[in-house]
């Protein structure tokens, strides 16, 4: 466990330094592979690196990176992603379950099928607060990664749509704050925090609805957890502080 954490911390540091070097106009392909997908292959379970990689590329683009360079990195990353999936059997099983979870309803496709059942049984207005059936040991991780499925079951399509609208409003306000910040540091900080929140939200909703392969990213502000919720609240506080200065610029 200590070796895993040390390796992850080292790679995240390399990614941060690579992003800084990229903004200083070093070769985009070399830096992108060094600070992104390549080191991610060194971690056995690299699910937590998805958001930092997206954040790094988004900030590089906002900092002036060329679209051509972004396309080159995406093209170079595809074969590495294929190798990473082939290296670990559980990753391949996740991809197969994503394509057709009904091929293995009692194994790799069990969780997403239970999520479908929760969302489908909610109907338009849901079963009611606290009346979920899937959270009674049917849907794994119902209180963390798949909490949105329980919200859809208890509050229906209407409640889920309201939650998505609130997240959309939060992301829009965060981007607006970053674009109107009076200085570059505050602008990049606000945009980075907003991109991180948006990435976690989109990936979580995509996983719960079957639009993305299963990955363990919490839903900001909603999923149960200590460290994730603490950092989300910290990010929201920083965004609020930056937004107070946008009107004075």
C-alpha atoms as a PDB file:
ATOM      1  CA  UNK A   1       0.000   0.000   0.000  1.00  0.00           C
ATOM      2  CA  UNK A   2       2.804   2.424   0.869  1.00  0.00           C
ATOM      3  CA  UNK A   3       4.591   1.641  -2.384  1.00  0.00           C
ATOM      4  CA  UNK A   4       1.372   2.188  -4.319  1.00  0.00           C
ATOM      5  CA  UNK A   5       0.785   5.576  -2.671  1.00  0.00           C
ATOM      6  CA  UNK A   6       4.390   6.627  -3.203  1.00  0.00           C
ATOM      7  CA  UNK A   7       4.237   5.680  -6.884  1.00  0.00           C
ATOM      8  CA  UNK A   8       0.958   7.560  -7.344  1.00  0.00           C
ATOM      9  CA  UNK A   9       2.336  10.670  -5.623  1.00  0.00           C
ATOM     10  CA  UNK A  10       5.473  10.544  -7.783  1.00  0.00           C
ATOM     11  CA  UNK A  11       3.483  10.263 -10.993  1.00  0.00           C
ATOM     12  CA  UNK A  12       1.128  13.084 -10.013  1.00  0.00           C
ATOM     13  CA  UNK A  13       4.190  15.245  -9.360  1.00  0.00           C
ATOM     14  CA  UNK A  14       5.617  14.368 -12.774  1.00  0.00           C
ATOM     15  CA  UNK A  15       2.281  15.279 -14.347  1.00  0.00           C
ATOM     16  CA  UNK A  16       2.281  18.678 -12.631  1.00  0.00           C
ATOM     17  CA  UNK A  17       5.849  19.423 -13.707  1.00  0.00           C
ATOM     18  CA  UNK A  18       5.062  18.219 -17.215  1.00  0.00           C
ATOM     19  CA  UNK A  19       2.104  20.573 -17.468  1.00  0.00           C
ATOM     20  CA  UNK A  20       4.291  23.477 -16.381  1.00  0.00           C
ATOM     21  CA  UNK A  21       6.938  22.533 -18.924  1.00  0.00           C
ATOM     22  CA  UNK A  22       4.308  22.229 -21.629  1.00  0.00           C
ATOM     23  CA  UNK A  23       3.120  25.756 -20.965  1.00  0.00           C
ATOM     24  CA  UNK A  24       6.740  26.855 -21.496  1.00  0.00           C
ATOM     25  CA  UNK A  25       6.546  25.558 -25.099  1.00  0.00           C
ATOM     26  CA  UNK A  26       8.492  22.313 -24.788  1.00  0.00           C
ATOM     27  CA  UNK A  27       7.603  19.630 -27.388  1.00  0.00           C
ATOM     28  CA  UNK A  28       3.967  18.790 -26.788  1.00  0.00           C
ATOM     29  CA  UNK A  29       4.054  15.101 -27.680  1.00  0.00           C
ATOM     30  CA  UNK A  30       7.090  14.293 -25.510  1.00  0.00           C
ATOM     31  CA  UNK A  31       5.795  16.180 -22.482  1.00  0.00           C
ATOM     32  CA  UNK A  32       2.264  14.855 -22.909  1.00  0.00           C
ATOM     33  CA  UNK A  33       3.371  11.234 -22.978  1.00  0.00           C
ATOM     34  CA  UNK A  34       5.796  11.771 -20.094  1.00  0.00           C
ATOM     35  CA  UNK A  35       3.281  13.461 -17.805  1.00  0.00           C
ATOM     36  CA  UNK A  36       0.115  11.653 -18.839  1.00  0.00           C
ATOM     37  CA  UNK A  37      -0.744   8.224 -20.094  1.00  0.00           C
ATOM     38  CA  UNK A  38       2.739   6.684 -19.983  1.00  0.00           C
ATOM     39  CA  UNK A  39       3.298   6.935 -16.205  1.00  0.00           C
ATOM     40  CA  UNK A  40      -0.303   5.882 -15.604  1.00  0.00           C
ATOM     41  CA  UNK A  41       0.592   2.410 -16.870  1.00  0.00           C
ATOM     42  CA  UNK A  42       2.947   1.999 -13.889  1.00  0.00           C
ATOM     43  CA  UNK A  43       0.054   2.025 -11.413  1.00  0.00           C
ATOM     44  CA  UNK A  44      -1.896  -1.239 -11.100  1.00  0.00           C
ATOM     45  CA  UNK A  45      -5.184   0.517 -10.352  1.00  0.00           C
ATOM     46  CA  UNK A  46      -4.971   3.907 -12.057  1.00  0.00           C
ATOM     47  CA  UNK A  47      -8.619   4.926 -11.820  1.00  0.00           C
ATOM     48  CA  UNK A  48      -7.729   8.013  -9.761  1.00  0.00           C
ATOM     49  CA  UNK A  49      -5.438   9.286 -12.529  1.00  0.00           C
ATOM     50  CA  UNK A  50      -8.227   9.830 -15.041  1.00  0.00           C
ATOM     51  CA  UNK A  51      -9.328  13.153 -13.548  1.00  0.00           C
ATOM     52  CA  UNK A  52      -5.772  14.569 -13.127  1.00  0.00           C
ATOM     53  CA  UNK A  53      -4.895  13.635 -16.716  1.00  0.00           C
ATOM     54  CA  UNK A  54      -8.005  15.395 -18.035  1.00  0.00           C
ATOM     55  CA  UNK A  55      -7.281  18.375 -15.780  1.00  0.00           C
ATOM     56  CA  UNK A  56      -3.685  18.588 -17.013  1.00  0.00           C
ATOM     57  CA  UNK A  57      -4.722  18.531 -20.669  1.00  0.00           C
ATOM     58  CA  UNK A  58      -7.559  21.021 -20.084  1.00  0.00           C
ATOM     59  CA  UNK A  59      -5.275  23.510 -18.334  1.00  0.00           C
ATOM     60  CA  UNK A  60      -2.658  23.078 -21.063  1.00  0.00           C
ATOM     61  CA  UNK A  61      -5.298  23.890 -23.676  1.00  0.00           C
ATOM     62  CA  UNK A  62      -6.523  26.901 -21.696  1.00  0.00           C
ATOM     63  CA  UNK A  63      -2.906  28.000 -21.333  1.00  0.00           C
ATOM     64  CA  UNK A  64      -2.470  28.202 -25.094  1.00  0.00           C
ATOM     65  CA  UNK A  65      -1.592  24.683 -26.260  1.00  0.00           C
ATOM     66  CA  UNK A  66      -2.373  24.040 -29.914  1.00  0.00           C
ATOM     67  CA  UNK A  67      -5.279  21.845 -30.930  1.00  0.00           C
ATOM     68  CA  UNK A  68      -2.929  19.917 -33.233  1.00  0.00           C
ATOM     69  CA  UNK A  69      -0.721  19.040 -30.263  1.00  0.00           C
ATOM     70  CA  UNK A  70      -3.750  17.847 -28.300  1.00  0.00           C
ATOM     71  CA  UNK A  71      -4.759  15.650 -31.225  1.00  0.00           C
ATOM     72  CA  UNK A  72      -1.252  14.162 -31.449  1.00  0.00           C
ATOM     73  CA  UNK A  73      -1.307  13.278 -27.766  1.00  0.00           C
ATOM     74  CA  UNK A  74      -4.769  11.721 -28.068  1.00  0.00           C
ATOM     75  CA  UNK A  75      -3.611   9.660 -31.039  1.00  0.00           C
ATOM     76  CA  UNK A  76      -0.457   8.537 -29.246  1.00  0.00           C
ATOM     77  CA  UNK A  77      -2.442   7.629 -26.138  1.00  0.00           C
ATOM     78  CA  UNK A  78      -4.845   5.250 -27.888  1.00  0.00           C
ATOM     79  CA  UNK A  79      -2.384   2.344 -28.392  1.00  0.00           C
ATOM     80  CA  UNK A  80      -1.082   2.818 -24.850  1.00  0.00           C
ATOM     81  CA  UNK A  81      -4.621   2.606 -23.516  1.00  0.00           C
ATOM     82  CA  UNK A  82      -5.151  -0.599 -25.487  1.00  0.00           C
ATOM     83  CA  UNK A  83      -1.955  -2.047 -23.992  1.00  0.00           C
ATOM     84  CA  UNK A  84      -3.039  -1.011 -20.491  1.00  0.00           C
ATOM     85  CA  UNK A  85      -6.385  -2.767 -20.946  1.00  0.00           C
ATOM     86  CA  UNK A  86      -4.734  -5.904 -22.292  1.00  0.00           C
ATOM     87  CA  UNK A  87      -2.215  -6.004 -19.422  1.00  0.00           C
ATOM     88  CA  UNK A  88      -4.887  -6.319 -16.731  1.00  0.00           C
ATOM     89  CA  UNK A  89      -7.702  -8.878 -17.170  1.00  0.00           C
ATOM     90  CA  UNK A  90     -10.119  -6.975 -14.927  1.00  0.00           C
ATOM     91  CA  UNK A  91      -9.877  -3.944 -17.212  1.00  0.00           C
ATOM     92  CA  UNK A  92     -10.830  -6.081 -20.197  1.00  0.00           C
ATOM     93  CA  UNK A  93     -13.762  -7.524 -18.242  1.00  0.00           C
ATOM     94  CA  UNK A  94     -14.937  -4.004 -17.463  1.00  0.00           C
ATOM     95  CA  UNK A  95     -14.837  -3.049 -21.118  1.00  0.00           C
ATOM     96  CA  UNK A  96     -16.780  -6.183 -22.089  1.00  0.00           C
ATOM     97  CA  UNK A  97     -19.339  -5.486 -19.358  1.00  0.00           C
ATOM     98  CA  UNK A  98     -19.643  -1.917 -20.583  1.00  0.00           C
ATOM     99  CA  UNK A  99     -20.426  -3.071 -24.115  1.00  0.00           C
ATOM    100  CA  UNK A 100     -22.989  -5.678 -23.007  1.00  0.00           C
ATOM    101  CA  UNK A 101     -23.459  -6.184 -19.247  1.00  0.00           C
ATOM    102  CA  UNK A 102     -26.151  -8.835 -19.866  1.00  0.00           C
ATOM    103  CA  UNK A 103     -23.492 -11.303 -21.024  1.00  0.00           C
ATOM    104  CA  UNK A 104     -22.447 -11.732 -17.378  1.00  0.00           C
ATOM    105  CA  UNK A 105     -25.377 -10.538 -15.214  1.00  0.00           C
ATOM    106  CA  UNK A 106     -24.076 -12.263 -12.064  1.00  0.00           C
ATOM    107  CA  UNK A 107     -20.457 -11.163 -12.512  1.00  0.00           C
ATOM    108  CA  UNK A 108     -18.894  -8.150 -14.175  1.00  0.00           C
ATOM    109  CA  UNK A 109     -22.240  -6.765 -15.361  1.00  0.00           C
ATOM    110  CA  UNK A 110     -24.044  -7.115 -12.027  1.00  0.00           C
ATOM    111  CA  UNK A 111     -23.435  -3.618 -10.689  1.00  0.00           C
ATOM    112  CA  UNK A 112     -24.443  -1.686 -13.797  1.00  0.00           C
ATOM    113  CA  UNK A 113     -27.548  -3.879 -14.264  1.00  0.00           C
ATOM    114  CA  UNK A 114     -28.635  -3.103 -10.708  1.00  0.00           C
ATOM    115  CA  UNK A 115     -28.053   0.573 -11.462  1.00  0.00           C
ATOM    116  CA  UNK A 116     -30.322   0.299 -14.510  1.00  0.00           C
ATOM    117  CA  UNK A 117     -32.995  -1.347 -12.371  1.00  0.00           C
ATOM    118  CA  UNK A 118     -32.782   1.448  -9.808  1.00  0.00           C
ATOM    119  CA  UNK A 119     -33.054   4.203 -12.407  1.00  0.00           C
ATOM    120  CA  UNK A 120     -35.821   2.440 -14.307  1.00  0.00           C
ATOM    121  CA  UNK A 121     -37.966   1.673 -11.269  1.00  0.00           C
ATOM    122  CA  UNK A 122     -37.989   5.318 -10.204  1.00  0.00           C
ATOM    123  CA  UNK A 123     -40.270   6.420 -13.001  1.00  0.00           C
ATOM    124  CA  UNK A 124     -41.093  10.107 -13.333  1.00  0.00           C
ATOM    125  CA  UNK A 125     -41.470  11.036  -9.658  1.00  0.00           C
ATOM    126  CA  UNK A 126     -39.718   8.155  -7.883  1.00  0.00           C
ATOM    127  CA  UNK A 127     -40.674   5.823  -5.059  1.00  0.00           C
ATOM    128  CA  UNK A 128     -40.271   8.497  -2.391  1.00  0.00           C
ATOM    129  CA  UNK A 129     -37.556   9.536   0.044  1.00  0.00           C
ATOM    130  CA  UNK A 130     -36.051   6.509   1.775  1.00  0.00           C
ATOM    131  CA  UNK A 131     -38.131   4.011  -0.240  1.00  0.00           C
ATOM    132  CA  UNK A 132     -35.343   2.692  -2.448  1.00  0.00           C
ATOM    133  CA  UNK A 133     -35.172  -1.094  -2.811  1.00  0.00           C
ATOM    134  CA  UNK A 134     -31.868  -1.341  -4.657  1.00  0.00           C
ATOM    135  CA  UNK A 135     -29.881   0.137  -1.783  1.00  0.00           C
ATOM    136  CA  UNK A 136     -30.900  -2.819   0.408  1.00  0.00           C
ATOM    137  CA  UNK A 137     -27.769  -4.818  -0.505  1.00  0.00           C
ATOM    138  CA  UNK A 138     -28.737  -5.196  -4.198  1.00  0.00           C
ATOM    139  CA  UNK A 139     -26.708  -2.338  -5.703  1.00  0.00           C
ATOM    140  CA  UNK A 140     -23.032  -2.377  -4.626  1.00  0.00           C
ATOM    141  CA  UNK A 141     -21.580   0.975  -3.522  1.00  0.00           C
ATOM    142  CA  UNK A 142     -25.047   2.508  -3.405  1.00  0.00           C
ATOM    143  CA  UNK A 143     -23.942   5.168  -0.927  1.00  0.00           C
ATOM    144  CA  UNK A 144     -20.797   6.238  -2.784  1.00  0.00           C
ATOM    145  CA  UNK A 145     -20.128   5.799  -6.506  1.00  0.00           C
ATOM    146  CA  UNK A 146     -23.704   4.829  -7.443  1.00  0.00           C
ATOM    147  CA  UNK A 147     -25.617   7.257  -5.248  1.00  0.00           C
ATOM    148  CA  UNK A 148     -27.109   8.903  -8.351  1.00  0.00           C
ATOM    149  CA  UNK A 149     -28.944   5.654  -9.168  1.00  0.00           C
ATOM    150  CA  UNK A 150     -30.573   5.739  -5.725  1.00  0.00           C
ATOM    151  CA  UNK A 151     -31.521   9.385  -6.223  1.00  0.00           C
ATOM    152  CA  UNK A 152     -33.134   8.449  -9.531  1.00  0.00           C
ATOM    153  CA  UNK A 153     -35.020   5.610  -7.855  1.00  0.00           C
ATOM    154  CA  UNK A 154     -36.304   7.675  -4.927  1.00  0.00           C
ATOM    155  CA  UNK A 155     -36.945  10.976  -6.733  1.00  0.00           C
ATOM    156  CA  UNK A 156     -37.473   9.792 -10.308  1.00  0.00           C
ATOM    157  CA  UNK A 157     -36.521  11.489 -13.527  1.00  0.00           C
ATOM    158  CA  UNK A 158     -37.694  14.824 -12.136  1.00  0.00           C
ATOM    159  CA  UNK A 159     -35.364  14.681  -9.132  1.00  0.00           C
ATOM    160  CA  UNK A 160     -32.427  13.457 -11.199  1.00  0.00           C
ATOM    161  CA  UNK A 161     -32.991  16.257 -13.718  1.00  0.00           C
ATOM    162  CA  UNK A 162     -33.001  18.848 -10.923  1.00  0.00           C
ATOM    163  CA  UNK A 163     -29.688  17.503  -9.607  1.00  0.00           C
ATOM    164  CA  UNK A 164     -28.122  17.572 -13.078  1.00  0.00           C
ATOM    165  CA  UNK A 165     -29.376  21.150 -13.537  1.00  0.00           C
ATOM    166  CA  UNK A 166     -27.755  22.187 -10.242  1.00  0.00           C
ATOM    167  CA  UNK A 167     -24.429  20.681 -11.287  1.00  0.00           C
ATOM    168  CA  UNK A 168     -24.715  22.425 -14.659  1.00  0.00           C
ATOM    169  CA  UNK A 169     -25.296  25.731 -12.892  1.00  0.00           C
ATOM    170  CA  UNK A 170     -22.294  25.140 -10.616  1.00  0.00           C
ATOM    171  CA  UNK A 171     -20.006  24.326 -13.542  1.00  0.00           C
ATOM    172  CA  UNK A 172     -21.232  27.333 -15.540  1.00  0.00           C
ATOM    173  CA  UNK A 173     -20.674  29.668 -12.611  1.00  0.00           C
ATOM    174  CA  UNK A 174     -17.213  28.204 -12.027  1.00  0.00           C
ATOM    175  CA  UNK A 175     -16.206  28.727 -15.657  1.00  0.00           C
ATOM    176  CA  UNK A 176     -17.649  32.236 -15.555  1.00  0.00           C
ATOM    177  CA  UNK A 177     -15.631  32.994 -12.429  1.00  0.00           C
ATOM    178  CA  UNK A 178     -12.431  31.714 -14.016  1.00  0.00           C
ATOM    179  CA  UNK A 179     -12.915  33.710 -17.209  1.00  0.00           C
ATOM    180  CA  UNK A 180     -13.657  36.920 -15.264  1.00  0.00           C
ATOM    181  CA  UNK A 181     -10.907  36.598 -12.663  1.00  0.00           C
ATOM    182  CA  UNK A 182      -8.748  39.752 -12.474  1.00  0.00           C
ATOM    183  CA  UNK A 183      -5.399  37.890 -12.600  1.00  0.00           C
ATOM    184  CA  UNK A 184      -3.997  34.871 -14.404  1.00  0.00           C
ATOM    185  CA  UNK A 185      -3.337  32.793 -11.283  1.00  0.00           C
ATOM    186  CA  UNK A 186      -6.890  33.150 -10.020  1.00  0.00           C
ATOM    187  CA  UNK A 187      -8.241  32.463 -13.491  1.00  0.00           C
ATOM    188  CA  UNK A 188      -6.308  29.212 -13.973  1.00  0.00           C
ATOM    189  CA  UNK A 189      -7.041  28.137 -10.397  1.00  0.00           C
ATOM    190  CA  UNK A 190     -10.791  28.662 -10.798  1.00  0.00           C
ATOM    191  CA  UNK A 191     -10.846  26.978 -14.202  1.00  0.00           C
ATOM    192  CA  UNK A 192      -8.807  24.029 -12.905  1.00  0.00           C
ATOM    193  CA  UNK A 193     -11.082  23.478  -9.915  1.00  0.00           C
ATOM    194  CA  UNK A 194     -14.149  23.749 -12.134  1.00  0.00           C
ATOM    195  CA  UNK A 195     -12.758  21.286 -14.676  1.00  0.00           C
ATOM    196  CA  UNK A 196     -11.993  18.860 -11.841  1.00  0.00           C
ATOM    197  CA  UNK A 197     -15.539  19.090 -10.463  1.00  0.00           C
ATOM    198  CA  UNK A 198     -16.997  18.802 -13.964  1.00  0.00           C
ATOM    199  CA  UNK A 199     -14.857  15.757 -14.768  1.00  0.00           C
ATOM    200  CA  UNK A 200     -15.893  13.930 -11.610  1.00  0.00           C
ATOM    201  CA  UNK A 201     -19.552  14.766 -12.211  1.00  0.00           C
ATOM    202  CA  UNK A 202     -19.595  13.744 -15.874  1.00  0.00           C
ATOM    203  CA  UNK A 203     -17.658  10.511 -15.281  1.00  0.00           C
ATOM    204  CA  UNK A 204     -19.841   9.529 -12.311  1.00  0.00           C
ATOM    205  CA  UNK A 205     -23.093  10.187 -14.161  1.00  0.00           C
ATOM    206  CA  UNK A 206     -21.744   8.412 -17.232  1.00  0.00           C
ATOM    207  CA  UNK A 207     -20.831   5.320 -15.210  1.00  0.00           C
ATOM    208  CA  UNK A 208     -24.160   5.165 -13.379  1.00  0.00           C
ATOM    209  CA  UNK A 209     -26.152   5.490 -16.615  1.00  0.00           C
ATOM    210  CA  UNK A 210     -23.961   3.002 -18.496  1.00  0.00           C
ATOM    211  CA  UNK A 211     -22.485   5.615 -20.824  1.00  0.00           C
ATOM    212  CA  UNK A 212     -18.923   4.991 -19.565  1.00  0.00           C
ATOM    213  CA  UNK A 213     -17.066   1.931 -18.230  1.00  0.00           C
ATOM    214  CA  UNK A 214     -17.280   1.435 -14.490  1.00  0.00           C
ATOM    215  CA  UNK A 215     -14.804   3.593 -12.574  1.00  0.00           C
ATOM    216  CA  UNK A 216     -14.730   4.604  -8.941  1.00  0.00           C
ATOM    217  CA  UNK A 217     -15.172   8.372  -8.957  1.00  0.00           C
ATOM    218  CA  UNK A 218     -17.523   9.912  -6.368  1.00  0.00           C
ATOM    219  CA  UNK A 219     -20.313  12.335  -7.199  1.00  0.00           C
ATOM    220  CA  UNK A 220     -19.230  15.735  -5.801  1.00  0.00           C
ATOM    221  CA  UNK A 221     -21.127  16.923  -2.700  1.00  0.00           C
ATOM    222  CA  UNK A 222     -23.410  13.855  -2.797  1.00  0.00           C
ATOM    223  CA  UNK A 223     -21.377  10.666  -2.400  1.00  0.00           C
ATOM    224  CA  UNK A 224     -20.501   9.468   1.083  1.00  0.00           C
ATOM    225  CA  UNK A 225     -16.860   9.931   2.013  1.00  0.00           C
ATOM    226  CA  UNK A 226     -14.447  11.950   4.090  1.00  0.00           C
ATOM    227  CA  UNK A 227     -11.464  13.052   2.001  1.00  0.00           C
ATOM    228  CA  UNK A 228     -13.390  13.450  -1.269  1.00  0.00           C
ATOM    229  CA  UNK A 229     -16.093  15.566   0.367  1.00  0.00           C
ATOM    230  CA  UNK A 230     -13.490  17.650   2.201  1.00  0.00           C
ATOM    231  CA  UNK A 231     -11.613  18.476  -0.996  1.00  0.00           C
ATOM    232  CA  UNK A 232     -14.859  19.226  -2.835  1.00  0.00           C
ATOM    233  CA  UNK A 233     -15.941  21.675  -0.148  1.00  0.00           C
ATOM    234  CA  UNK A 234     -12.447  23.184  -0.163  1.00  0.00           C
ATOM    235  CA  UNK A 235     -12.660  23.674  -3.934  1.00  0.00           C
ATOM    236  CA  UNK A 236     -16.070  25.300  -3.620  1.00  0.00           C
ATOM    237  CA  UNK A 237     -14.727  27.676  -0.965  1.00  0.00           C
ATOM    238  CA  UNK A 238     -11.808  28.708  -3.180  1.00  0.00           C
ATOM    239  CA  UNK A 239     -14.188  29.310  -6.097  1.00  0.00           C
ATOM    240  CA  UNK A 240     -16.391  31.484  -3.880  1.00  0.00           C
ATOM    241  CA  UNK A 241     -13.361  33.489  -2.761  1.00  0.00           C
ATOM    242  CA  UNK A 242     -12.227  34.073  -6.362  1.00  0.00           C
ATOM    243  CA  UNK A 243     -15.775  35.015  -7.418  1.00  0.00           C
ATOM    244  CA  UNK A 244     -15.822  37.790  -4.801  1.00  0.00           C
ATOM    245  CA  UNK A 245     -12.980  39.527  -6.614  1.00  0.00           C
ATOM    246  CA  UNK A 246     -14.395  39.228 -10.148  1.00  0.00           C
ATOM    247  CA  UNK A 247     -16.830  42.078  -9.578  1.00  0.00           C
ATOM    248  CA  UNK A 248     -14.042  44.399  -8.467  1.00  0.00           C
ATOM    249  CA  UNK A 249     -11.872  43.918 -11.530  1.00  0.00           C
END
